[in-house]
């Protein structure tokens, strides 16, 4: 059987994260093409925190962050 050649295909991602790549070197160090602050900002906007979803004061906390 012939081996299939591996093609580096870019995964489908949100347009805000276009060009995002992560690498893990042989020492386990993670490097990224985006700064961690930009990744965290994206996650805060687009991912619901399961631990905080049942809190009554969540709306107040979100409003305080916007100010």
PDB file of N, CA and C in Angstrom:
ATOM      1  N   UNK A   1       0.839  -1.186   0.000  1.00  0.00           N
ATOM      2  CA  UNK A   1       0.000   0.000   0.000  1.00  0.00           C
ATOM      3  C   UNK A   1       0.882   1.247   0.000  1.00  0.00           C
ATOM      4  N   UNK A   2       0.505   2.201  -0.771  1.00  0.00           N
ATOM      5  CA  UNK A   2       1.249   3.458  -0.853  1.00  0.00           C
ATOM      6  C   UNK A   2       0.851   4.355   0.310  1.00  0.00           C
ATOM      7  N   UNK A   3       1.833   5.060   0.840  1.00  0.00           N
ATOM      8  CA  UNK A   3       1.550   5.993   1.929  1.00  0.00           C
ATOM      9  C   UNK A   3       0.958   7.275   1.360  1.00  0.00           C
ATOM     10  N   UNK A   4       0.000   7.781   2.069  1.00  0.00           N
ATOM     11  CA  UNK A   4      -0.596   9.055   1.669  1.00  0.00           C
ATOM     12  C   UNK A   4       0.284  10.185   2.173  1.00  0.00           C
ATOM     13  N   UNK A   5       0.506  11.160   1.335  1.00  0.00           N
ATOM     14  CA  UNK A   5       1.299  12.305   1.774  1.00  0.00           C
ATOM     15  C   UNK A   5       0.422  13.219   2.629  1.00  0.00           C
ATOM     16  N   UNK A   6       1.013  13.733   3.667  1.00  0.00           N
ATOM     17  CA  UNK A   6       0.270  14.621   4.563  1.00  0.00           C
ATOM     18  C   UNK A   6       0.287  16.030   3.999  1.00  0.00           C
ATOM     19  N   UNK A   7      -0.871  16.601   3.886  1.00  0.00           N
ATOM     20  CA  UNK A   7      -0.989  17.994   3.463  1.00  0.00           C
ATOM     21  C   UNK A   7      -1.302  18.824   4.689  1.00  0.00           C
ATOM     22  N   UNK A   8      -0.636  19.946   4.787  1.00  0.00           N
ATOM     23  CA  UNK A   8      -0.932  20.845   5.890  1.00  0.00           C
ATOM     24  C   UNK A   8      -2.151  21.672   5.519  1.00  0.00           C
ATOM     25  N   UNK A   9      -3.285  21.242   6.008  1.00  0.00           N
ATOM     26  CA  UNK A   9      -4.521  21.975   5.746  1.00  0.00           C
ATOM     27  C   UNK A   9      -4.816  22.862   6.945  1.00  0.00           C
ATOM     28  N   UNK A  10      -5.255  24.057   6.662  1.00  0.00           N
ATOM     29  CA  UNK A  10      -5.639  24.961   7.738  1.00  0.00           C
ATOM     30  C   UNK A  10      -7.022  24.579   8.236  1.00  0.00           C
ATOM     31  N   UNK A  11      -7.193  24.486   9.548  1.00  0.00           N
ATOM     32  CA  UNK A  11      -8.512  24.161  10.088  1.00  0.00           C
ATOM     33  C   UNK A  11      -9.489  25.311   9.886  1.00  0.00           C
ATOM     34  N   UNK A  12     -10.767  24.988   9.889  1.00  0.00           N
ATOM     35  CA  UNK A  12     -11.788  26.025   9.781  1.00  0.00           C
ATOM     36  C   UNK A  12     -11.904  26.703  11.136  1.00  0.00           C
ATOM     37  N   UNK A  13     -11.748  28.015  11.140  1.00  0.00           N
ATOM     38  CA  UNK A  13     -11.807  28.779  12.385  1.00  0.00           C
ATOM     39  C   UNK A  13     -12.693  30.000  12.202  1.00  0.00           C
ATOM     40  N   UNK A  14     -13.043  30.588  13.313  1.00  0.00           N
ATOM     41  CA  UNK A  14     -13.780  31.837  13.307  1.00  0.00           C
ATOM     42  C   UNK A  14     -12.936  32.885  12.575  1.00  0.00           C
ATOM     43  N   UNK A  15     -13.556  33.741  11.758  1.00  0.00           N
ATOM     44  CA  UNK A  15     -12.788  34.753  11.020  1.00  0.00           C
ATOM     45  C   UNK A  15     -11.927  35.657  11.911  1.00  0.00           C
ATOM     46  N   UNK A  16     -12.313  35.870  13.151  1.00  0.00           N
ATOM     47  CA  UNK A  16     -11.521  36.696  14.069  1.00  0.00           C
ATOM     48  C   UNK A  16     -10.194  36.029  14.410  1.00  0.00           C
ATOM     49  N   UNK A  17     -10.137  34.700  14.292  1.00  0.00           N
ATOM     50  CA  UNK A  17      -8.925  33.960  14.640  1.00  0.00           C
ATOM     51  C   UNK A  17      -8.185  33.449  13.411  1.00  0.00           C
ATOM     52  N   UNK A  18      -8.464  34.033  12.269  1.00  0.00           N
ATOM     53  CA  UNK A  18      -7.801  33.597  11.047  1.00  0.00           C
ATOM     54  C   UNK A  18      -6.293  33.794  11.175  1.00  0.00           C
ATOM     55  N   UNK A  19      -5.541  32.759  10.892  1.00  0.00           N
ATOM     56  CA  UNK A  19      -4.087  32.826  11.006  1.00  0.00           C
ATOM     57  C   UNK A  19      -3.561  32.352  12.346  1.00  0.00           C
ATOM     58  N   UNK A  20      -4.445  31.900  13.218  1.00  0.00           N
ATOM     59  CA  UNK A  20      -4.041  31.432  14.545  1.00  0.00           C
ATOM     60  C   UNK A  20      -3.390  30.057  14.443  1.00  0.00           C
ATOM     61  N   UNK A  21      -2.208  29.927  15.005  1.00  0.00           N
ATOM     62  CA  UNK A  21      -1.510  28.645  15.039  1.00  0.00           C
ATOM     63  C   UNK A  21      -0.879  28.461  16.400  1.00  0.00           C
ATOM     64  N   UNK A  22      -0.899  27.212  16.874  1.00  0.00           N
ATOM     65  CA  UNK A  22      -0.252  26.860  18.139  1.00  0.00           C
ATOM     66  C   UNK A  22       0.732  25.744  17.881  1.00  0.00           C
ATOM     67  N   UNK A  23       1.857  25.806  18.562  1.00  0.00           N
ATOM     68  CA  UNK A  23       2.872  24.762  18.462  1.00  0.00           C
ATOM     69  C   UNK A  23       3.329  24.392  19.858  1.00  0.00           C
ATOM     70  N   UNK A  24       3.648  23.116  20.040  1.00  0.00           N
ATOM     71  CA  UNK A  24       4.209  22.638  21.300  1.00  0.00           C
ATOM     72  C   UNK A  24       5.559  22.034  20.974  1.00  0.00           C
ATOM     73  N   UNK A  25       6.610  22.585  21.592  1.00  0.00           N
ATOM     74  CA  UNK A  25       7.950  22.095  21.285  1.00  0.00           C
ATOM     75  C   UNK A  25       8.267  20.835  22.109  1.00  0.00           C
ATOM     76  N   UNK A  26       9.465  20.316  21.955  1.00  0.00           N
ATOM     77  CA  UNK A  26       9.843  19.066  22.613  1.00  0.00           C
ATOM     78  C   UNK A  26       9.920  19.193  24.136  1.00  0.00           C
ATOM     79  N   UNK A  27      10.003  20.418  24.666  1.00  0.00           N
ATOM     80  CA  UNK A  27      10.025  20.636  26.108  1.00  0.00           C
ATOM     81  C   UNK A  27       8.628  20.880  26.679  1.00  0.00           C
ATOM     82  N   UNK A  28       7.616  20.866  25.827  1.00  0.00           N
ATOM     83  CA  UNK A  28       6.252  21.099  26.269  1.00  0.00           C
ATOM     84  C   UNK A  28       5.870  22.560  26.317  1.00  0.00           C
ATOM     85  N   UNK A  29       6.723  23.432  25.794  1.00  0.00           N
ATOM     86  CA  UNK A  29       6.430  24.859  25.784  1.00  0.00           C
ATOM     87  C   UNK A  29       5.466  25.168  24.650  1.00  0.00           C
ATOM     88  N   UNK A  30       4.428  25.904  24.960  1.00  0.00           N
ATOM     89  CA  UNK A  30       3.404  26.251  23.977  1.00  0.00           C
ATOM     90  C   UNK A  30       3.704  27.620  23.399  1.00  0.00           C
ATOM     91  N   UNK A  31       3.727  27.706  22.081  1.00  0.00           N
ATOM     92  CA  UNK A  31       3.892  29.001  21.427  1.00  0.00           C
ATOM     93  C   UNK A  31       2.705  29.225  20.504  1.00  0.00           C
ATOM     94  N   UNK A  32       2.328  30.481  20.376  1.00  0.00           N
ATOM     95  CA  UNK A  32       1.137  30.834  19.628  1.00  0.00           C
ATOM     96  C   UNK A  32       1.431  32.007  18.699  1.00  0.00           C
ATOM     97  N   UNK A  33       0.674  32.076  17.614  1.00  0.00           N
ATOM     98  CA  UNK A  33       0.843  33.187  16.683  1.00  0.00           C
ATOM     99  C   UNK A  33       0.064  34.429  17.128  1.00  0.00           C
ATOM    100  N   UNK A  34      -0.786  34.303  18.147  1.00  0.00           N
ATOM    101  CA  UNK A  34      -1.558  35.425  18.681  1.00  0.00           C
ATOM    102  C   UNK A  34      -1.148  35.668  20.130  1.00  0.00           C
ATOM    103  N   UNK A  35      -1.192  36.911  20.578  1.00  0.00           N
ATOM    104  CA  UNK A  35      -0.926  37.180  21.996  1.00  0.00           C
ATOM    105  C   UNK A  35      -2.052  36.601  22.857  1.00  0.00           C
ATOM    106  N   UNK A  36      -1.713  36.164  24.053  1.00  0.00           N
ATOM    107  CA  UNK A  36      -2.684  35.532  24.940  1.00  0.00           C
ATOM    108  C   UNK A  36      -3.829  36.474  25.294  1.00  0.00           C
ATOM    109  N   UNK A  37      -3.574  37.777  25.347  1.00  0.00           N
ATOM    110  CA  UNK A  37      -4.639  38.734  25.655  1.00  0.00           C
ATOM    111  C   UNK A  37      -5.723  38.731  24.579  1.00  0.00           C
ATOM    112  N   UNK A  38      -5.326  38.621  23.327  1.00  0.00           N
ATOM    113  CA  UNK A  38      -6.297  38.590  22.235  1.00  0.00           C
ATOM    114  C   UNK A  38      -7.115  37.294  22.275  1.00  0.00           C
ATOM    115  N   UNK A  39      -6.478  36.195  22.609  1.00  0.00           N
ATOM    116  CA  UNK A  39      -7.185  34.911  22.725  1.00  0.00           C
ATOM    117  C   UNK A  39      -8.187  34.972  23.869  1.00  0.00           C
ATOM    118  N   UNK A  40      -7.769  35.497  25.008  1.00  0.00           N
ATOM    119  CA  UNK A  40      -8.669  35.615  26.160  1.00  0.00           C
ATOM    120  C   UNK A  40      -9.842  36.533  25.866  1.00  0.00           C
ATOM    121  N   UNK A  41      -9.596  37.629  25.170  1.00  0.00           N
ATOM    122  CA  UNK A  41     -10.668  38.556  24.803  1.00  0.00           C
ATOM    123  C   UNK A  41     -11.693  37.848  23.912  1.00  0.00           C
ATOM    124  N   UNK A  42     -11.212  37.083  22.942  1.00  0.00           N
ATOM    125  CA  UNK A  42     -12.105  36.333  22.057  1.00  0.00           C
ATOM    126  C   UNK A  42     -12.927  35.320  22.853  1.00  0.00           C
ATOM    127  N   UNK A  43     -12.294  34.584  23.746  1.00  0.00           N
ATOM    128  CA  UNK A  43     -12.998  33.577  24.539  1.00  0.00           C
ATOM    129  C   UNK A  43     -14.026  34.222  25.462  1.00  0.00           C
ATOM    130  N   UNK A  44     -13.696  35.355  26.055  1.00  0.00           N
ATOM    131  CA  UNK A  44     -14.643  36.038  26.930  1.00  0.00           C
ATOM    132  C   UNK A  44     -15.895  36.475  26.172  1.00  0.00           C
ATOM    133  N   UNK A  45     -15.722  36.897  24.917  1.00  0.00           N
ATOM    134  CA  UNK A  45     -16.865  37.349  24.122  1.00  0.00           C
ATOM    135  C   UNK A  45     -17.710  36.184  23.617  1.00  0.00           C
ATOM    136  N   UNK A  46     -17.089  35.055  23.279  1.00  0.00           N
ATOM    137  CA  UNK A  46     -17.782  34.015  22.526  1.00  0.00           C
ATOM    138  C   UNK A  46     -18.069  32.713  23.260  1.00  0.00           C
ATOM    139  N   UNK A  47     -17.531  32.545  24.451  1.00  0.00           N
ATOM    140  CA  UNK A  47     -17.724  31.290  25.172  1.00  0.00           C
ATOM    141  C   UNK A  47     -18.359  31.581  26.520  1.00  0.00           C
ATOM    142  N   UNK A  48     -19.442  30.870  26.804  1.00  0.00           N
ATOM    143  CA  UNK A  48     -20.131  31.039  28.076  1.00  0.00           C
ATOM    144  C   UNK A  48     -19.388  30.263  29.158  1.00  0.00           C
ATOM    145  N   UNK A  49     -19.158  30.898  30.291  1.00  0.00           N
ATOM    146  CA  UNK A  49     -18.487  30.253  31.414  1.00  0.00           C
ATOM    147  C   UNK A  49     -19.521  29.442  32.186  1.00  0.00           C
ATOM    148  N   UNK A  50     -19.395  28.132  32.168  1.00  0.00           N
ATOM    149  CA  UNK A  50     -20.376  27.246  32.801  1.00  0.00           C
ATOM    150  C   UNK A  50     -20.444  27.442  34.313  1.00  0.00           C
ATOM    151  N   UNK A  51     -19.335  27.830  34.914  1.00  0.00           N
ATOM    152  CA  UNK A  51     -19.325  28.016  36.362  1.00  0.00           C
ATOM    153  C   UNK A  51     -20.086  29.267  36.781  1.00  0.00           C
ATOM    154  N   UNK A  52     -20.167  30.242  35.885  1.00  0.00           N
ATOM    155  CA  UNK A  52     -20.803  31.514  36.241  1.00  0.00           C
ATOM    156  C   UNK A  52     -22.221  31.658  35.720  1.00  0.00           C
ATOM    157  N   UNK A  53     -22.713  30.727  34.924  1.00  0.00           N
ATOM    158  CA  UNK A  53     -24.006  30.933  34.267  1.00  0.00           C
ATOM    159  C   UNK A  53     -25.188  30.993  35.223  1.00  0.00           C
ATOM    160  N   UNK A  54     -25.081  30.398  36.401  1.00  0.00           N
ATOM    161  CA  UNK A  54     -26.202  30.392  37.342  1.00  0.00           C
ATOM    162  C   UNK A  54     -26.129  31.501  38.382  1.00  0.00           C
ATOM    163  N   UNK A  55     -25.145  32.380  38.271  1.00  0.00           N
ATOM    164  CA  UNK A  55     -25.018  33.462  39.239  1.00  0.00           C
ATOM    165  C   UNK A  55     -26.051  34.538  38.977  1.00  0.00           C
ATOM    166  N   UNK A  56     -26.613  35.068  40.057  1.00  0.00           N
ATOM    167  CA  UNK A  56     -27.610  36.134  39.948  1.00  0.00           C
ATOM    168  C   UNK A  56     -26.990  37.470  39.584  1.00  0.00           C
ATOM    169  N   UNK A  57     -25.745  37.709  39.998  1.00  0.00           N
ATOM    170  CA  UNK A  57     -25.112  39.005  39.797  1.00  0.00           C
ATOM    171  C   UNK A  57     -24.241  39.057  38.541  1.00  0.00           C
ATOM    172  N   UNK A  58     -24.385  38.113  37.633  1.00  0.00           N
ATOM    173  CA  UNK A  58     -23.552  38.052  36.438  1.00  0.00           C
ATOM    174  C   UNK A  58     -23.732  39.290  35.555  1.00  0.00           C
ATOM    175  N   UNK A  59     -24.965  39.756  35.396  1.00  0.00           N
ATOM    176  CA  UNK A  59     -25.208  40.951  34.580  1.00  0.00           C
ATOM    177  C   UNK A  59     -24.518  42.173  35.170  1.00  0.00           C
ATOM    178  N   UNK A  60     -24.516  42.297  36.487  1.00  0.00           N
ATOM    179  CA  UNK A  60     -23.854  43.415  37.142  1.00  0.00           C
ATOM    180  C   UNK A  60     -22.347  43.375  36.894  1.00  0.00           C
ATOM    181  N   UNK A  61     -21.770  42.188  36.951  1.00  0.00           N
ATOM    182  CA  UNK A  61     -20.332  42.037  36.733  1.00  0.00           C
ATOM    183  C   UNK A  61     -19.972  42.407  35.297  1.00  0.00           C
ATOM    184  N   UNK A  62     -20.763  41.967  34.330  1.00  0.00           N
ATOM    185  CA  UNK A  62     -20.506  42.294  32.930  1.00  0.00           C
ATOM    186  C   UNK A  62     -20.597  43.802  32.683  1.00  0.00           C
ATOM    187  N   UNK A  63     -21.584  44.461  33.294  1.00  0.00           N
ATOM    188  CA  UNK A  63     -21.750  45.905  33.127  1.00  0.00           C
ATOM    189  C   UNK A  63     -20.584  46.675  33.743  1.00  0.00           C
ATOM    190  N   UNK A  64     -20.050  46.198  34.870  1.00  0.00           N
ATOM    191  CA  UNK A  64     -18.914  46.858  35.508  1.00  0.00           C
ATOM    192  C   UNK A  64     -17.670  46.752  34.638  1.00  0.00           C
ATOM    193  N   UNK A  65     -17.465  45.655  33.939  1.00  0.00           N
ATOM    194  CA  UNK A  65     -16.304  45.482  33.073  1.00  0.00           C
ATOM    195  C   UNK A  65     -16.344  46.413  31.868  1.00  0.00           C
ATOM    196  N   UNK A  66     -17.537  46.726  31.381  1.00  0.00           N
ATOM    197  CA  UNK A  66     -17.670  47.587  30.215  1.00  0.00           C
ATOM    198  C   UNK A  66     -17.311  49.040  30.536  1.00  0.00           C
ATOM    199  N   UNK A  67     -17.458  49.449  31.799  1.00  0.00           N
ATOM    200  CA  UNK A  67     -17.200  50.852  32.196  1.00  0.00           C
ATOM    201  C   UNK A  67     -15.761  51.143  32.261  1.00  0.00           C
TER     202      UNK A  67
END
